[in-house]
Amino acid sequence: MANNSQPSGERGTKAKPIYEVSANSHVAVLDDKIDSTNAQVAKLVNLMTTKMEVKACGLCSLEDHPTYMCPILYEDEVK
């Protein structure tokens, strides 16, 4: 018998692991990422569409402008 031959009992004992790549696991990961992104976009849209609390001007009590832009402050400049 040749020196490099293996005994018949050792040949089948060491099985190499077989790694299966499942497309379903990749799809699930992508679905989770899409769901997370959709939730973040929904929060952003909600922030953008929510009306900011309007505070009345401290000088004239109107709500259409902040105090620093009150027309009363700029009346002298117009004349």
C-alpha atoms as a PDB file:
ATOM      1  CA  MET A   1       0.000   0.000   0.000  1.00  0.00           C
ATOM      2  CA  ALA A   2       1.245   3.519  -0.722  1.00  0.00           C
ATOM      3  CA  ASN A   3       2.460   5.784   2.087  1.00  0.00           C
ATOM      4  CA  ASN A   4       0.048   8.598   1.289  1.00  0.00           C
ATOM      5  CA  SER A   5      -3.095   6.490   1.297  1.00  0.00           C
ATOM      6  CA  GLN A   6      -5.605   6.997   4.092  1.00  0.00           C
ATOM      7  CA  PRO A   7      -7.219   4.245   6.054  1.00  0.00           C
ATOM      8  CA  SER A   8     -10.834   3.802   5.038  1.00  0.00           C
ATOM      9  CA  GLY A   9     -12.208   4.690   8.526  1.00  0.00           C
ATOM     10  CA  GLU A  10     -10.855   8.280   8.594  1.00  0.00           C
ATOM     11  CA  ARG A  11     -12.225   9.454   5.267  1.00  0.00           C
ATOM     12  CA  GLY A  12     -15.847  10.164   6.297  1.00  0.00           C
ATOM     13  CA  THR A  13     -15.299  11.333   9.911  1.00  0.00           C
ATOM     14  CA  LYS A  14     -14.330  14.948   9.247  1.00  0.00           C
ATOM     15  CA  ALA A  15     -17.243  16.620   7.495  1.00  0.00           C
ATOM     16  CA  LYS A  16     -16.671  20.145   6.292  1.00  0.00           C
ATOM     17  CA  PRO A  17     -19.445  22.553   7.251  1.00  0.00           C
ATOM     18  CA  ILE A  18     -21.662  23.666   4.421  1.00  0.00           C
ATOM     19  CA  TYR A  19     -22.858  27.255   4.647  1.00  0.00           C
ATOM     20  CA  GLU A  20     -26.182  27.898   3.072  1.00  0.00           C
ATOM     21  CA  VAL A  21     -26.974  31.429   2.043  1.00  0.00           C
ATOM     22  CA  SER A  22     -30.661  31.934   2.292  1.00  0.00           C
ATOM     23  CA  ALA A  23     -32.152  34.689   0.191  1.00  0.00           C
ATOM     24  CA  ASN A  24     -34.964  34.896   2.722  1.00  0.00           C
ATOM     25  CA  SER A  25     -32.601  36.069   5.476  1.00  0.00           C
ATOM     26  CA  HIS A  26     -31.264  38.848   3.246  1.00  0.00           C
ATOM     27  CA  VAL A  27     -34.783  39.878   2.299  1.00  0.00           C
ATOM     28  CA  ALA A  28     -35.756  39.999   5.978  1.00  0.00           C
ATOM     29  CA  VAL A  29     -32.801  42.251   6.775  1.00  0.00           C
ATOM     30  CA  LEU A  30     -33.686  44.570   3.902  1.00  0.00           C
ATOM     31  CA  ASP A  31     -37.333  44.618   4.985  1.00  0.00           C
ATOM     32  CA  ASP A  32     -36.255  45.640   8.497  1.00  0.00           C
ATOM     33  CA  LYS A  33     -34.093  48.435   7.080  1.00  0.00           C
ATOM     34  CA  ILE A  34     -36.932  49.650   4.873  1.00  0.00           C
ATOM     35  CA  ASP A  35     -39.335  49.634   7.818  1.00  0.00           C
ATOM     36  CA  SER A  36     -36.841  51.613   9.900  1.00  0.00           C
ATOM     37  CA  THR A  37     -36.320  54.120   7.092  1.00  0.00           C
ATOM     38  CA  ASN A  38     -40.077  54.504   6.603  1.00  0.00           C
ATOM     39  CA  ALA A  39     -40.516  55.198  10.319  1.00  0.00           C
ATOM     40  CA  GLN A  40     -37.781  57.843  10.228  1.00  0.00           C
ATOM     41  CA  VAL A  41     -39.319  59.497   7.149  1.00  0.00           C
ATOM     42  CA  ALA A  42     -42.734  59.513   8.828  1.00  0.00           C
ATOM     43  CA  LYS A  43     -41.254  61.262  11.873  1.00  0.00           C
ATOM     44  CA  LEU A  44     -39.542  63.829   9.636  1.00  0.00           C
ATOM     45  CA  VAL A  45     -42.727  64.516   7.692  1.00  0.00           C
ATOM     46  CA  ASN A  46     -44.604  64.891  10.965  1.00  0.00           C
ATOM     47  CA  LEU A  47     -42.038  67.424  12.185  1.00  0.00           C
ATOM     48  CA  MET A  48     -42.207  69.368   8.936  1.00  0.00           C
ATOM     49  CA  THR A  49     -45.992  69.485   8.799  1.00  0.00           C
ATOM     50  CA  THR A  50     -46.594  70.230  12.458  1.00  0.00           C
ATOM     51  CA  LYS A  51     -47.314  73.899  12.887  1.00  0.00           C
ATOM     52  CA  MET A  52     -44.761  75.532  15.098  1.00  0.00           C
ATOM     53  CA  GLU A  53     -46.147  77.224  18.165  1.00  0.00           C
ATOM     54  CA  VAL A  54     -46.716  80.826  17.238  1.00  0.00           C
ATOM     55  CA  LYS A  55     -45.908  83.369  19.899  1.00  0.00           C
ATOM     56  CA  ALA A  56     -47.380  86.817  19.778  1.00  0.00           C
ATOM     57  CA  CYS A  57     -45.102  89.768  19.166  1.00  0.00           C
ATOM     58  CA  GLY A  58     -43.991  91.303  22.434  1.00  0.00           C
ATOM     59  CA  LEU A  59     -44.539  94.836  21.133  1.00  0.00           C
ATOM     60  CA  CYS A  60     -47.847  94.804  19.218  1.00  0.00           C
ATOM     61  CA  SER A  61     -49.324  91.395  20.264  1.00  0.00           C
ATOM     62  CA  LEU A  62     -49.820  90.245  16.664  1.00  0.00           C
ATOM     63  CA  GLU A  63     -48.920  86.641  15.839  1.00  0.00           C
ATOM     64  CA  ASP A  64     -47.813  87.162  12.232  1.00  0.00           C
ATOM     65  CA  HIS A  65     -44.233  88.116  13.098  1.00  0.00           C
ATOM     66  CA  PRO A  66     -41.677  87.685  15.880  1.00  0.00           C
ATOM     67  CA  THR A  67     -40.790  90.591  18.133  1.00  0.00           C
ATOM     68  CA  TYR A  68     -37.490  91.337  16.377  1.00  0.00           C
ATOM     69  CA  MET A  69     -39.361  91.844  13.078  1.00  0.00           C
ATOM     70  CA  CYS A  70     -42.144  94.042  14.462  1.00  0.00           C
ATOM     71  CA  PRO A  71     -43.015  96.930  12.117  1.00  0.00           C
ATOM     72  CA  ILE A  72     -43.010  99.270  15.122  1.00  0.00           C
ATOM     73  CA  LEU A  73     -39.237  98.836  15.331  1.00  0.00           C
ATOM     74  CA  TYR A  74     -38.805  99.952  11.735  1.00  0.00           C
ATOM     75  CA  GLU A  75     -41.299 102.832  11.546  1.00  0.00           C
ATOM     76  CA  ASP A  76     -38.565 105.473  11.870  1.00  0.00           C
ATOM     77  CA  GLU A  77     -36.539 103.958   9.020  1.00  0.00           C
ATOM     78  CA  VAL A  78     -39.448 104.198   6.548  1.00  0.00           C
ATOM     79  CA  LYS A  79     -40.042 107.942   7.073  1.00  0.00           C
END
